[in-house]
PDB file of N, CA and C in Angstrom:
ATOM      1  N   MET A   1     -45.654  37.392   0.681  1.00  0.00           N
ATOM      2  CA  MET A   1     -45.754  37.443  -0.748  1.00  0.00           C
ATOM      3  C   MET A   1     -46.004  36.024  -1.241  1.00  0.00           C
ATOM      4  N   PHE A   2     -47.065  35.860  -2.031  1.00  0.00           N
ATOM      5  CA  PHE A   2     -47.453  34.543  -2.523  1.00  0.00           C
ATOM      6  C   PHE A   2     -47.093  34.393  -3.992  1.00  0.00           C
ATOM      7  N   GLY A   3     -46.561  33.221  -4.338  1.00  0.00           N
ATOM      8  CA  GLY A   3     -46.305  32.890  -5.729  1.00  0.00           C
ATOM      9  C   GLY A   3     -47.620  32.599  -6.445  1.00  0.00           C
ATOM     10  N   TYR A   4     -47.502  32.245  -7.698  1.00  0.00           N
ATOM     11  CA  TYR A   4     -48.677  31.906  -8.499  1.00  0.00           C
ATOM     12  C   TYR A   4     -49.208  30.531  -8.136  1.00  0.00           C
ATOM     13  N   ASN A   5     -50.526  30.371  -8.280  1.00  0.00           N
ATOM     14  CA  ASN A   5     -51.184  29.072  -8.182  1.00  0.00           C
ATOM     15  C   ASN A   5     -51.040  28.436  -6.794  1.00  0.00           C
ATOM     16  N   ASN A   6     -50.943  29.235  -5.746  1.00  0.00           N
ATOM     17  CA  ASN A   6     -50.937  28.689  -4.386  1.00  0.00           C
ATOM     18  C   ASN A   6     -52.363  28.311  -4.012  1.00  0.00           C
ATOM     19  N   HIS A   7     -52.497  27.256  -3.197  1.00  0.00           N
ATOM     20  CA  HIS A   7     -53.804  26.824  -2.706  1.00  0.00           C
ATOM     21  C   HIS A   7     -53.750  26.780  -1.189  1.00  0.00           C
ATOM     22  N   ILE A   8     -54.692  27.465  -0.564  1.00  0.00           N
ATOM     23  CA  ILE A   8     -54.796  27.450   0.888  1.00  0.00           C
ATOM     24  C   ILE A   8     -56.211  26.989   1.215  1.00  0.00           C
ATOM     25  N   ALA A   9     -56.303  25.856   1.933  1.00  0.00           N
ATOM     26  CA  ALA A   9     -57.605  25.279   2.262  1.00  0.00           C
ATOM     27  C   ALA A   9     -57.703  25.142   3.776  1.00  0.00           C
ATOM     28  N   ALA A  10     -58.740  25.744   4.346  1.00  0.00           N
ATOM     29  CA  ALA A  10     -58.900  25.697   5.797  1.00  0.00           C
ATOM     30  C   ALA A  10     -60.348  25.384   6.143  1.00  0.00           C
ATOM     31  N   VAL A  11     -60.529  24.374   7.007  1.00  0.00           N
ATOM     32  CA  VAL A  11     -61.851  24.149   7.577  1.00  0.00           C
ATOM     33  C   VAL A  11     -61.956  24.817   8.944  1.00  0.00           C
ATOM     34  N   ARG A  12     -60.785  25.091   9.566  1.00  0.00           N
ATOM     35  CA  ARG A  12     -60.765  25.801  10.846  1.00  0.00           C
ATOM     36  C   ARG A  12     -59.730  26.912  10.879  1.00  0.00           C
ATOM     37  N   GLU A  13     -58.433  26.551  10.714  1.00  0.00           N
ATOM     38  CA  GLU A  13     -57.443  27.591  10.963  1.00  0.00           C
ATOM     39  C   GLU A  13     -56.135  27.380  10.206  1.00  0.00           C
ATOM     40  N   VAL A  14     -55.771  28.412   9.468  1.00  0.00           N
ATOM     41  CA  VAL A  14     -54.441  28.525   8.860  1.00  0.00           C
ATOM     42  C   VAL A  14     -53.951  29.931   9.178  1.00  0.00           C
ATOM     43  N   GLN A  15     -52.793  30.035   9.847  1.00  0.00           N
ATOM     44  CA  GLN A  15     -52.187  31.326  10.170  1.00  0.00           C
ATOM     45  C   GLN A  15     -50.866  31.435   9.420  1.00  0.00           C
ATOM     46  N   ILE A  16     -50.680  32.569   8.757  1.00  0.00           N
ATOM     47  CA  ILE A  16     -49.434  32.815   8.039  1.00  0.00           C
ATOM     48  C   ILE A  16     -48.848  34.106   8.586  1.00  0.00           C
ATOM     49  N   GLY A  17     -47.603  34.026   9.061  1.00  0.00           N
ATOM     50  CA  GLY A  17     -46.954  35.154   9.700  1.00  0.00           C
ATOM     51  C   GLY A  17     -46.575  36.268   8.740  1.00  0.00           C
ATOM     52  N   ASP A  18     -45.874  37.240   9.270  1.00  0.00           N
ATOM     53  CA  ASP A  18     -45.427  38.397   8.493  1.00  0.00           C
ATOM     54  C   ASP A  18     -44.202  38.034   7.654  1.00  0.00           C
ATOM     55  N   GLN A  19     -44.093  38.684   6.522  1.00  0.00           N
ATOM     56  CA  GLN A  19     -42.938  38.584   5.628  1.00  0.00           C
ATOM     57  C   GLN A  19     -42.621  37.143   5.233  1.00  0.00           C
ATOM     58  N   VAL A  20     -43.668  36.383   4.955  1.00  0.00           N
ATOM     59  CA  VAL A  20     -43.531  35.015   4.450  1.00  0.00           C
ATOM     60  C   VAL A  20     -43.520  35.077   2.934  1.00  0.00           C
ATOM     61  N   LEU A  21     -42.628  34.302   2.337  1.00  0.00           N
ATOM     62  CA  LEU A  21     -42.488  34.232   0.887  1.00  0.00           C
ATOM     63  C   LEU A  21     -42.809  32.811   0.445  1.00  0.00           C
ATOM     64  N   THR A  22     -43.722  32.666  -0.509  1.00  0.00           N
ATOM     65  CA  THR A  22     -43.982  31.344  -1.073  1.00  0.00           C
ATOM     66  C   THR A  22     -43.668  31.375  -2.564  1.00  0.00           C
ATOM     67  N   ALA A  23     -43.147  30.259  -3.041  1.00  0.00           N
ATOM     68  CA  ALA A  23     -42.926  30.086  -4.479  1.00  0.00           C
ATOM     69  C   ALA A  23     -44.264  29.702  -5.119  1.00  0.00           C
ATOM     70  N   ASN A  24     -44.225  29.265  -6.341  1.00  0.00           N
ATOM     71  CA  ASN A  24     -45.436  28.849  -7.052  1.00  0.00           C
ATOM     72  C   ASN A  24     -45.896  27.466  -6.601  1.00  0.00           C
ATOM     73  N   ASN A  25     -47.194  27.224  -6.743  1.00  0.00           N
ATOM     74  CA  ASN A  25     -47.807  25.900  -6.551  1.00  0.00           C
ATOM     75  C   ASN A  25     -47.681  25.356  -5.128  1.00  0.00           C
ATOM     76  N   VAL A  26     -47.691  26.222  -4.145  1.00  0.00           N
ATOM     77  CA  VAL A  26     -47.622  25.784  -2.746  1.00  0.00           C
ATOM     78  C   VAL A  26     -49.034  25.434  -2.271  1.00  0.00           C
ATOM     79  N   TYR A  27     -49.132  24.347  -1.498  1.00  0.00           N
ATOM     80  CA  TYR A  27     -50.409  23.892  -0.947  1.00  0.00           C
ATOM     81  C   TYR A  27     -50.316  23.918   0.574  1.00  0.00           C
ATOM     82  N   ILE A  28     -51.266  24.606   1.207  1.00  0.00           N
ATOM     83  CA  ILE A  28     -51.302  24.726   2.666  1.00  0.00           C
ATOM     84  C   ILE A  28     -52.716  24.358   3.112  1.00  0.00           C
ATOM     85  N   SER A  29     -52.824  23.391   4.040  1.00  0.00           N
ATOM     86  CA  SER A  29     -54.143  22.916   4.440  1.00  0.00           C
ATOM     87  C   SER A  29     -54.160  22.433   5.876  1.00  0.00           C
ATOM     88  N   ASP A  30     -55.280  22.662   6.543  1.00  0.00           N
ATOM     89  CA  ASP A  30     -55.464  22.149   7.904  1.00  0.00           C
ATOM     90  C   ASP A  30     -56.313  20.885   7.915  1.00  0.00           C
ATOM     91  N   ASN A  31     -56.557  20.297   6.726  1.00  0.00           N
ATOM     92  CA  ASN A  31     -57.474  19.166   6.649  1.00  0.00           C
ATOM     93  C   ASN A  31     -57.004  18.105   5.659  1.00  0.00           C
ATOM     94  N   VAL A  32     -57.618  16.939   5.764  1.00  0.00           N
ATOM     95  CA  VAL A  32     -57.344  15.819   4.864  1.00  0.00           C
ATOM     96  C   VAL A  32     -58.671  15.197   4.451  1.00  0.00           C
ATOM     97  N   HIS A  33     -58.651  14.416   3.391  1.00  0.00           N
ATOM     98  CA  HIS A  33     -59.845  13.674   2.970  1.00  0.00           C
ATOM     99  C   HIS A  33     -59.930  12.361   3.736  1.00  0.00           C
ATOM    100  N   SER A  34     -61.120  12.039   4.198  1.00  0.00           N
ATOM    101  CA  SER A  34     -61.352  10.757   4.837  1.00  0.00           C
ATOM    102  C   SER A  34     -61.403   9.680   3.753  1.00  0.00           C
ATOM    103  N   TYR A  35     -60.907   8.500   4.087  1.00  0.00           N
ATOM    104  CA  TYR A  35     -60.941   7.375   3.137  1.00  0.00           C
ATOM    105  C   TYR A  35     -61.225   6.058   3.851  1.00  0.00           C
ATOM    106  N   GLU A  36     -61.643   6.130   5.119  1.00  0.00           N
ATOM    107  CA  GLU A  36     -61.809   4.941   5.944  1.00  0.00           C
ATOM    108  C   GLU A  36     -62.911   4.004   5.456  1.00  0.00           C
ATOM    109  N   ASP A  37     -63.979   4.532   4.911  1.00  0.00           N
ATOM    110  CA  ASP A  37     -65.112   3.714   4.469  1.00  0.00           C
ATOM    111  C   ASP A  37     -64.866   3.233   3.042  1.00  0.00           C
ATOM    112  N   VAL A  38     -64.392   2.001   2.914  1.00  0.00           N
ATOM    113  CA  VAL A  38     -64.033   1.478   1.587  1.00  0.00           C
ATOM    114  C   VAL A  38     -65.253   1.187   0.718  1.00  0.00           C
ATOM    115  N   SER A  39     -66.450   1.258   1.296  1.00  0.00           N
ATOM    116  CA  SER A  39     -67.659   1.029   0.499  1.00  0.00           C
ATOM    117  C   SER A  39     -68.136   2.301  -0.210  1.00  0.00           C
ATOM    118  N   ARG A  40     -67.480   3.427   0.069  1.00  0.00           N
ATOM    119  CA  ARG A  40     -67.887   4.703  -0.529  1.00  0.00           C
ATOM    120  C   ARG A  40     -66.704   5.334  -1.240  1.00  0.00           C
ATOM    121  N   PRO A  41     -66.956   5.977  -2.373  1.00  0.00           N
ATOM    122  CA  PRO A  41     -65.875   6.718  -3.026  1.00  0.00           C
ATOM    123  C   PRO A  41     -65.348   7.806  -2.087  1.00  0.00           C
ATOM    124  N   ILE A  42     -64.065   8.082  -2.170  1.00  0.00           N
ATOM    125  CA  ILE A  42     -63.454   9.089  -1.295  1.00  0.00           C
ATOM    126  C   ILE A  42     -64.145  10.433  -1.442  1.00  0.00           C
ATOM    127  N   MET A  43     -64.568  10.773  -2.653  1.00  0.00           N
ATOM    128  CA  MET A  43     -65.221  12.068  -2.852  1.00  0.00           C
ATOM    129  C   MET A  43     -66.529  12.204  -2.081  1.00  0.00           C
ATOM    130  N   HIS A  44     -67.093  11.095  -1.625  1.00  0.00           N
ATOM    131  CA  HIS A  44     -68.339  11.129  -0.858  1.00  0.00           C
ATOM    132  C   HIS A  44     -68.092  10.951   0.638  1.00  0.00           C
ATOM    133  N   GLN A  45     -66.844  11.004   1.049  1.00  0.00           N
ATOM    134  CA  GLN A  45     -66.513  10.907   2.460  1.00  0.00           C
ATOM    135  C   GLN A  45     -66.137  12.294   2.983  1.00  0.00           C
ATOM    136  N   PRO A  46     -66.223  12.485   4.281  1.00  0.00           N
ATOM    137  CA  PRO A  46     -66.017  13.839   4.825  1.00  0.00           C
ATOM    138  C   PRO A  46     -64.567  14.307   4.746  1.00  0.00           C
ATOM    139  N   VAL A  47     -64.433  15.616   4.726  1.00  0.00           N
ATOM    140  CA  VAL A  47     -63.134  16.261   4.894  1.00  0.00           C
ATOM    141  C   VAL A  47     -62.925  16.371   6.403  1.00  0.00           C
ATOM    142  N   LEU A  48     -61.742  15.989   6.868  1.00  0.00           N
ATOM    143  CA  LEU A  48     -61.467  15.960   8.300  1.00  0.00           C
ATOM    144  C   LEU A  48     -60.440  17.020   8.680  1.00  0.00           C
ATOM    145  N   PHE A  49     -60.724  17.746   9.742  1.00  0.00           N
ATOM    146  CA  PHE A  49     -59.749  18.675  10.295  1.00  0.00           C
ATOM    147  C   PHE A  49     -58.590  17.857  10.838  1.00  0.00           C
ATOM    148  N   LYS A  50     -57.370  18.211  10.439  1.00  0.00           N
ATOM    149  CA  LYS A  50     -56.190  17.512  10.953  1.00  0.00           C
ATOM    150  C   LYS A  50     -55.617  18.282  12.136  1.00  0.00           C
ATOM    151  N   ARG A  51     -55.218  19.528  11.879  1.00  0.00           N
ATOM    152  CA  ARG A  51     -54.625  20.369  12.916  1.00  0.00           C
ATOM    153  C   ARG A  51     -54.421  21.762  12.341  1.00  0.00           C
ATOM    154  N   ALA A  52     -54.496  22.765  13.202  1.00  0.00           N
ATOM    155  CA  ALA A  52     -54.260  24.135  12.747  1.00  0.00           C
ATOM    156  C   ALA A  52     -52.861  24.252  12.150  1.00  0.00           C
ATOM    157  N   VAL A  53     -52.748  25.014  11.096  1.00  0.00           N
ATOM    158  CA  VAL A  53     -51.456  25.279  10.464  1.00  0.00           C
ATOM    159  C   VAL A  53     -51.013  26.670  10.892  1.00  0.00           C
ATOM    160  N   VAL A  54     -49.755  26.760  11.343  1.00  0.00           N
ATOM    161  CA  VAL A  54     -49.170  28.048  11.677  1.00  0.00           C
ATOM    162  C   VAL A  54     -47.828  28.116  10.974  1.00  0.00           C
ATOM    163  N   ILE A  55     -47.655  29.151  10.161  1.00  0.00           N
ATOM    164  CA  ILE A  55     -46.378  29.399   9.498  1.00  0.00           C
ATOM    165  C   ILE A  55     -45.819  30.674  10.106  1.00  0.00           C
ATOM    166  N   GLY A  56     -44.641  30.562  10.714  1.00  0.00           N
ATOM    167  CA  GLY A  56     -44.051  31.677  11.435  1.00  0.00           C
ATOM    168  C   GLY A  56     -43.552  32.787  10.525  1.00  0.00           C
ATOM    169  N   ASP A  57     -43.185  33.885  11.142  1.00  0.00           N
ATOM    170  CA  ASP A  57     -42.677  35.051  10.419  1.00  0.00           C
ATOM    171  C   ASP A  57     -41.394  34.713   9.661  1.00  0.00           C
ATOM    172  N   GLY A  58     -41.237  35.346   8.512  1.00  0.00           N
ATOM    173  CA  GLY A  58     -39.979  35.310   7.779  1.00  0.00           C
ATOM    174  C   GLY A  58     -39.651  34.012   7.065  1.00  0.00           C
ATOM    175  N   CYS A  59     -40.616  33.137   6.871  1.00  0.00           N
ATOM    176  CA  CYS A  59     -40.347  31.846   6.218  1.00  0.00           C
ATOM    177  C   CYS A  59     -40.293  31.967   4.705  1.00  0.00           C
ATOM    178  N   TRP A  60     -39.631  31.003   4.106  1.00  0.00           N
ATOM    179  CA  TRP A  60     -39.577  30.856   2.650  1.00  0.00           C
ATOM    180  C   TRP A  60     -40.040  29.440   2.345  1.00  0.00           C
ATOM    181  N   ILE A  61     -41.134  29.328   1.589  1.00  0.00           N
ATOM    182  CA  ILE A  61     -41.717  28.037   1.254  1.00  0.00           C
ATOM    183  C   ILE A  61     -41.457  27.786  -0.235  1.00  0.00           C
ATOM    184  N   GLY A  62     -40.737  26.705  -0.534  1.00  0.00           N
ATOM    185  CA  GLY A  62     -40.311  26.415  -1.902  1.00  0.00           C
ATOM    186  C   GLY A  62     -41.417  25.912  -2.809  1.00  0.00           C
ATOM    187  N   GLU A  63     -41.115  25.915  -4.087  1.00  0.00           N
ATOM    188  CA  GLU A  63     -42.072  25.515  -5.123  1.00  0.00           C
ATOM    189  C   GLU A  63     -42.591  24.103  -4.906  1.00  0.00           C
ATOM    190  N   ASN A  64     -43.904  23.938  -5.092  1.00  0.00           N
ATOM    191  CA  ASN A  64     -44.616  22.651  -4.984  1.00  0.00           C
ATOM    192  C   ASN A  64     -44.622  22.074  -3.572  1.00  0.00           C
ATOM    193  N   ALA A  65     -44.231  22.837  -2.577  1.00  0.00           N
ATOM    194  CA  ALA A  65     -44.248  22.331  -1.199  1.00  0.00           C
ATOM    195  C   ALA A  65     -45.688  22.208  -0.710  1.00  0.00           C
ATOM    196  N   CYS A  66     -45.911  21.244   0.190  1.00  0.00           N
ATOM    197  CA  CYS A  66     -47.207  21.053   0.840  1.00  0.00           C
ATOM    198  C   CYS A  66     -47.002  21.123   2.339  1.00  0.00           C
ATOM    199  N   ILE A  67     -47.856  21.871   3.009  1.00  0.00           N
ATOM    200  CA  ILE A  67     -47.852  21.941   4.474  1.00  0.00           C
ATOM    201  C   ILE A  67     -49.250  21.552   4.910  1.00  0.00           C
ATOM    202  N   ILE A  68     -49.349  20.418   5.605  1.00  0.00           N
ATOM    203  CA  ILE A  68     -50.653  19.861   5.955  1.00  0.00           C
ATOM    204  C   ILE A  68     -50.696  19.590   7.454  1.00  0.00           C
ATOM    205  N   GLY A  69     -51.489  20.377   8.174  1.00  0.00           N
ATOM    206  CA  GLY A  69     -51.695  20.169   9.600  1.00  0.00           C
ATOM    207  C   GLY A  69     -50.431  20.227  10.424  1.00  0.00           C
ATOM    208  N   ALA A  70     -49.544  21.162  10.129  1.00  0.00           N
ATOM    209  CA  ALA A  70     -48.268  21.256  10.845  1.00  0.00           C
ATOM    210  C   ALA A  70     -47.934  22.717  11.118  1.00  0.00           C
ATOM    211  N   ARG A  71     -47.002  22.896  12.024  1.00  0.00           N
ATOM    212  CA  ARG A  71     -46.503  24.231  12.357  1.00  0.00           C
ATOM    213  C   ARG A  71     -45.083  24.375  11.829  1.00  0.00           C
ATOM    214  N   VAL A  72     -44.818  25.523  11.248  1.00  0.00           N
ATOM    215  CA  VAL A  72     -43.483  25.848  10.739  1.00  0.00           C
ATOM    216  C   VAL A  72     -43.021  27.066  11.524  1.00  0.00           C
ATOM    217  N   GLY A  73     -41.878  26.952  12.181  1.00  0.00           N
ATOM    218  CA  GLY A  73     -41.385  28.023  13.040  1.00  0.00           C
ATOM    219  C   GLY A  73     -40.950  29.254  12.269  1.00  0.00           C
ATOM    220  N   ASN A  74     -40.465  30.238  12.993  1.00  0.00           N
ATOM    221  CA  ASN A  74     -39.995  31.493  12.403  1.00  0.00           C
ATOM    222  C   ASN A  74     -38.733  31.271  11.574  1.00  0.00           C
ATOM    223  N   ASN A  75     -38.620  32.036  10.502  1.00  0.00           N
ATOM    224  CA  ASN A  75     -37.432  32.077   9.647  1.00  0.00           C
ATOM    225  C   ASN A  75     -36.967  30.704   9.178  1.00  0.00           C
ATOM    226  N   CYS A  76     -37.913  29.890   8.757  1.00  0.00           N
ATOM    227  CA  CYS A  76     -37.600  28.559   8.237  1.00  0.00           C
ATOM    228  C   CYS A  76     -37.594  28.571   6.712  1.00  0.00           C
ATOM    229  N   VAL A  77     -36.866  27.608   6.154  1.00  0.00           N
ATOM    230  CA  VAL A  77     -36.896  27.342   4.726  1.00  0.00           C
ATOM    231  C   VAL A  77     -37.500  25.954   4.555  1.00  0.00           C
ATOM    232  N   VAL A  78     -38.545  25.869   3.749  1.00  0.00           N
ATOM    233  CA  VAL A  78     -39.127  24.582   3.368  1.00  0.00           C
ATOM    234  C   VAL A  78     -38.766  24.383   1.908  1.00  0.00           C
ATOM    235  N   GLY A  79     -38.005  23.336   1.621  1.00  0.00           N
ATOM    236  CA  GLY A  79     -37.488  23.102   0.282  1.00  0.00           C
ATOM    237  C   GLY A  79     -38.567  22.778  -0.733  1.00  0.00           C
ATOM    238  N   ALA A  80     -38.217  22.962  -1.995  1.00  0.00           N
ATOM    239  CA  ALA A  80     -39.118  22.630  -3.098  1.00  0.00           C
ATOM    240  C   ALA A  80     -39.546  21.175  -2.996  1.00  0.00           C
ATOM    241  N   ASN A  81     -40.816  20.924  -3.272  1.00  0.00           N
ATOM    242  CA  ASN A  81     -41.416  19.584  -3.298  1.00  0.00           C
ATOM    243  C   ASN A  81     -41.514  18.914  -1.926  1.00  0.00           C
ATOM    244  N   ALA A  82     -41.198  19.613  -0.847  1.00  0.00           N
ATOM    245  CA  ALA A  82     -41.289  19.024   0.491  1.00  0.00           C
ATOM    246  C   ALA A  82     -42.754  18.839   0.880  1.00  0.00           C
ATOM    247  N   VAL A  83     -42.995  17.817   1.702  1.00  0.00           N
ATOM    248  CA  VAL A  83     -44.324  17.583   2.261  1.00  0.00           C
ATOM    249  C   VAL A  83     -44.188  17.629   3.781  1.00  0.00           C
ATOM    250  N   VAL A  84     -44.669  18.712   4.360  1.00  0.00           N
ATOM    251  CA  VAL A  84     -44.536  18.946   5.803  1.00  0.00           C
ATOM    252  C   VAL A  84     -45.810  18.467   6.489  1.00  0.00           C
ATOM    253  N   THR A  85     -45.677  17.408   7.298  1.00  0.00           N
ATOM    254  CA  THR A  85     -46.813  16.872   8.051  1.00  0.00           C
ATOM    255  C   THR A  85     -46.541  16.841   9.555  1.00  0.00           C
ATOM    256  N   SER A  86     -45.339  17.263   9.961  1.00  0.00           N
ATOM    257  CA  SER A  86     -45.023  17.389  11.382  1.00  0.00           C
ATOM    258  C   SER A  86     -44.297  18.720  11.585  1.00  0.00           C
ATOM    259  N   ASP A  87     -44.261  19.169  12.816  1.00  0.00           N
ATOM    260  CA  ASP A  87     -43.759  20.505  13.127  1.00  0.00           C
ATOM    261  C   ASP A  87     -42.281  20.675  12.780  1.00  0.00           C
ATOM    262  N   ILE A  88     -41.947  21.879  12.323  1.00  0.00           N
ATOM    263  CA  ILE A  88     -40.577  22.275  11.999  1.00  0.00           C
ATOM    264  C   ILE A  88     -40.205  23.388  12.982  1.00  0.00           C
ATOM    265  N   PRO A  89     -39.119  23.224  13.753  1.00  0.00           N
ATOM    266  CA  PRO A  89     -38.754  24.253  14.737  1.00  0.00           C
ATOM    267  C   PRO A  89     -38.231  25.540  14.087  1.00  0.00           C
ATOM    268  N   ASN A  90     -38.194  26.599  14.873  1.00  0.00           N
ATOM    269  CA  ASN A  90     -37.659  27.886  14.411  1.00  0.00           C
ATOM    270  C   ASN A  90     -36.279  27.704  13.785  1.00  0.00           C
ATOM    271  N   TYR A  91     -35.980  28.539  12.805  1.00  0.00           N
ATOM    272  CA  TYR A  91     -34.641  28.637  12.198  1.00  0.00           C
ATOM    273  C   TYR A  91     -34.138  27.282  11.691  1.00  0.00           C
ATOM    274  N   SER A  92     -34.978  26.631  10.889  1.00  0.00           N
ATOM    275  CA  SER A  92     -34.641  25.317  10.342  1.00  0.00           C
ATOM    276  C   SER A  92     -34.801  25.306   8.833  1.00  0.00           C
ATOM    277  N   VAL A  93     -34.090  24.390   8.195  1.00  0.00           N
ATOM    278  CA  VAL A  93     -34.264  24.081   6.778  1.00  0.00           C
ATOM    279  C   VAL A  93     -34.795  22.658   6.726  1.00  0.00           C
ATOM    280  N   ALA A  94     -35.944  22.469   6.091  1.00  0.00           N
ATOM    281  CA  ALA A  94     -36.570  21.155   5.999  1.00  0.00           C
ATOM    282  C   ALA A  94     -36.811  20.801   4.545  1.00  0.00           C
ATOM    283  N   VAL A  95     -36.508  19.558   4.183  1.00  0.00           N
ATOM    284  CA  VAL A  95     -36.679  19.084   2.804  1.00  0.00           C
ATOM    285  C   VAL A  95     -37.195  17.656   2.826  1.00  0.00           C
ATOM    286  N   GLY A  96     -37.737  17.220   1.700  1.00  0.00           N
ATOM    287  CA  GLY A  96     -38.073  15.815   1.516  1.00  0.00           C
ATOM    288  C   GLY A  96     -39.523  15.476   1.724  1.00  0.00           C
ATOM    289  N   VAL A  97     -39.791  14.173   1.517  1.00  0.00           N
ATOM    290  CA  VAL A  97     -41.135  13.613   1.653  1.00  0.00           C
ATOM    291  C   VAL A  97     -41.038  12.370   2.523  1.00  0.00           C
ATOM    292  N   PRO A  98     -41.490  12.403   3.752  1.00  0.00           N
ATOM    293  CA  PRO A  98     -41.942  13.595   4.473  1.00  0.00           C
ATOM    294  C   PRO A  98     -40.761  14.501   4.808  1.00  0.00           C
ATOM    295  N   ALA A  99     -41.067  15.757   5.039  1.00  0.00           N
ATOM    296  CA  ALA A  99     -40.012  16.744   5.305  1.00  0.00           C
ATOM    297  C   ALA A  99     -39.281  16.428   6.603  1.00  0.00           C
ATOM    298  N   VAL A 100     -37.950  16.569   6.546  1.00  0.00           N
ATOM    299  CA  VAL A 100     -37.100  16.422   7.731  1.00  0.00           C
ATOM    300  C   VAL A 100     -36.167  17.627   7.791  1.00  0.00           C
ATOM    301  N   VAL A 101     -35.787  17.979   9.006  1.00  0.00           N
ATOM    302  CA  VAL A 101     -34.870  19.097   9.211  1.00  0.00           C
ATOM    303  C   VAL A 101     -33.457  18.643   8.856  1.00  0.00           C
ATOM    304  N   ILE A 102     -32.816  19.370   7.935  1.00  0.00           N
ATOM    305  CA  ILE A 102     -31.440  19.031   7.547  1.00  0.00           C
ATOM    306  C   ILE A 102     -30.432  20.059   8.048  1.00  0.00           C
ATOM    307  N   LYS A 103     -30.925  21.206   8.506  1.00  0.00           N
ATOM    308  CA  LYS A 103     -30.044  22.265   8.961  1.00  0.00           C
ATOM    309  C   LYS A 103     -30.812  23.135   9.956  1.00  0.00           C
ATOM    310  N   GLN A 104     -30.093  23.619  10.998  1.00  0.00           N
ATOM    311  CA  GLN A 104     -30.678  24.554  11.952  1.00  0.00           C
ATOM    312  C   GLN A 104     -29.660  25.616  12.308  1.00  0.00           C
ATOM    313  N   TYR A 105     -30.175  26.791  12.608  1.00  0.00           N
ATOM    314  CA  TYR A 105     -29.304  27.885  13.031  1.00  0.00           C
ATOM    315  C   TYR A 105     -28.953  27.697  14.495  1.00  0.00           C
ATOM    316  N   ASP A 106     -27.669  27.786  14.808  1.00  0.00           N
ATOM    317  CA  ASP A 106     -27.189  27.691  16.183  1.00  0.00           C
ATOM    318  C   ASP A 106     -26.891  29.106  16.675  1.00  0.00           C
ATOM    319  N   PRO A 107     -27.719  29.631  17.586  1.00  0.00           N
ATOM    320  CA  PRO A 107     -27.526  31.017  18.028  1.00  0.00           C
ATOM    321  C   PRO A 107     -26.231  31.238  18.802  1.00  0.00           C
ATOM    322  N   GLN A 108     -25.714  30.201  19.459  1.00  0.00           N
ATOM    323  CA  GLN A 108     -24.449  30.361  20.192  1.00  0.00           C
ATOM    324  C   GLN A 108     -23.273  30.484  19.240  1.00  0.00           C
ATOM    325  N   LEU A 109     -23.260  29.630  18.207  1.00  0.00           N
ATOM    326  CA  LEU A 109     -22.179  29.683  17.213  1.00  0.00           C
ATOM    327  C   LEU A 109     -22.424  30.738  16.144  1.00  0.00           C
ATOM    328  N   GLN A 110     -23.680  31.155  16.014  1.00  0.00           N
ATOM    329  CA  GLN A 110     -24.125  32.111  15.002  1.00  0.00           C
ATOM    330  C   GLN A 110     -23.837  31.620  13.582  1.00  0.00           C
ATOM    331  N   VAL A 111     -24.115  30.334  13.366  1.00  0.00           N
ATOM    332  CA  VAL A 111     -23.979  29.709  12.044  1.00  0.00           C
ATOM    333  C   VAL A 111     -25.093  28.681  11.860  1.00  0.00           C
ATOM    334  N   TRP A 112     -25.327  28.351  10.586  1.00  0.00           N
ATOM    335  CA  TRP A 112     -26.246  27.264  10.257  1.00  0.00           C
ATOM    336  C   TRP A 112     -25.489  25.957  10.345  1.00  0.00           C
ATOM    337  N   VAL A 113     -26.034  24.991  11.058  1.00  0.00           N
ATOM    338  CA  VAL A 113     -25.382  23.718  11.305  1.00  0.00           C
ATOM    339  C   VAL A 113     -26.171  22.606  10.638  1.00  0.00           C
ATOM    340  N   SER A 114     -25.474  21.790   9.812  1.00  0.00           N
ATOM    341  CA  SER A 114     -26.124  20.647   9.167  1.00  0.00           C
ATOM    342  C   SER A 114     -26.428  19.577  10.198  1.00  0.00           C
ATOM    343  N   LYS A 115     -27.569  18.941  10.028  1.00  0.00           N
ATOM    344  CA  LYS A 115     -27.960  17.814  10.883  1.00  0.00           C
ATOM    345  C   LYS A 115     -27.424  16.552  10.252  1.00  0.00           C
ATOM    346  N   SER A 116     -26.917  15.626  11.062  1.00  0.00           N
ATOM    347  CA  SER A 116     -26.455  14.350  10.516  1.00  0.00           C
ATOM    348  C   SER A 116     -27.685  13.524  10.136  1.00  0.00           C
ATOM    349  N   ARG A 117     -27.561  12.821   9.033  1.00  0.00           N
ATOM    350  CA  ARG A 117     -28.660  12.007   8.531  1.00  0.00           C
ATOM    351  C   ARG A 117     -28.199  10.560   8.469  1.00  0.00           C
ATOM    352  N   SER A 118     -29.005   9.673   8.968  1.00  0.00           N
ATOM    353  CA  SER A 118     -28.672   8.251   8.861  1.00  0.00           C
ATOM    354  C   SER A 118     -29.645   7.582   7.905  1.00  0.00           C
ATOM    355  N   LEU A 119     -29.138   6.677   7.119  1.00  0.00           N
ATOM    356  CA  LEU A 119     -29.973   5.981   6.134  1.00  0.00           C
ATOM    357  C   LEU A 119     -30.273   4.578   6.590  1.00  0.00           C
TER     358      LEU A 119
END
């Protein structure tokens, strides 16, 4: 189920699993704009494939989140305003810019466990 005003841009591959829920204004892309040639405006430079995007089954993607060239595992939560540019493992909660995992489900304990964060 997709929220309003979602943007999905693919030059090669974006896969979205079953029973995925997105909030409004989510951006999902397998590509980035090239900016290496400083003698040319960015709009006149090529769009580059970054990496296939795969969003696993049962995920919840928060409002204004961006997923760019990364994989999101099954049953993950991506927090509002997060920017995901690296892979998120199954059963994780990821937030921030860039997104980091702050919580993961522990199948042995059968609870969600907070990850320690160092500043």
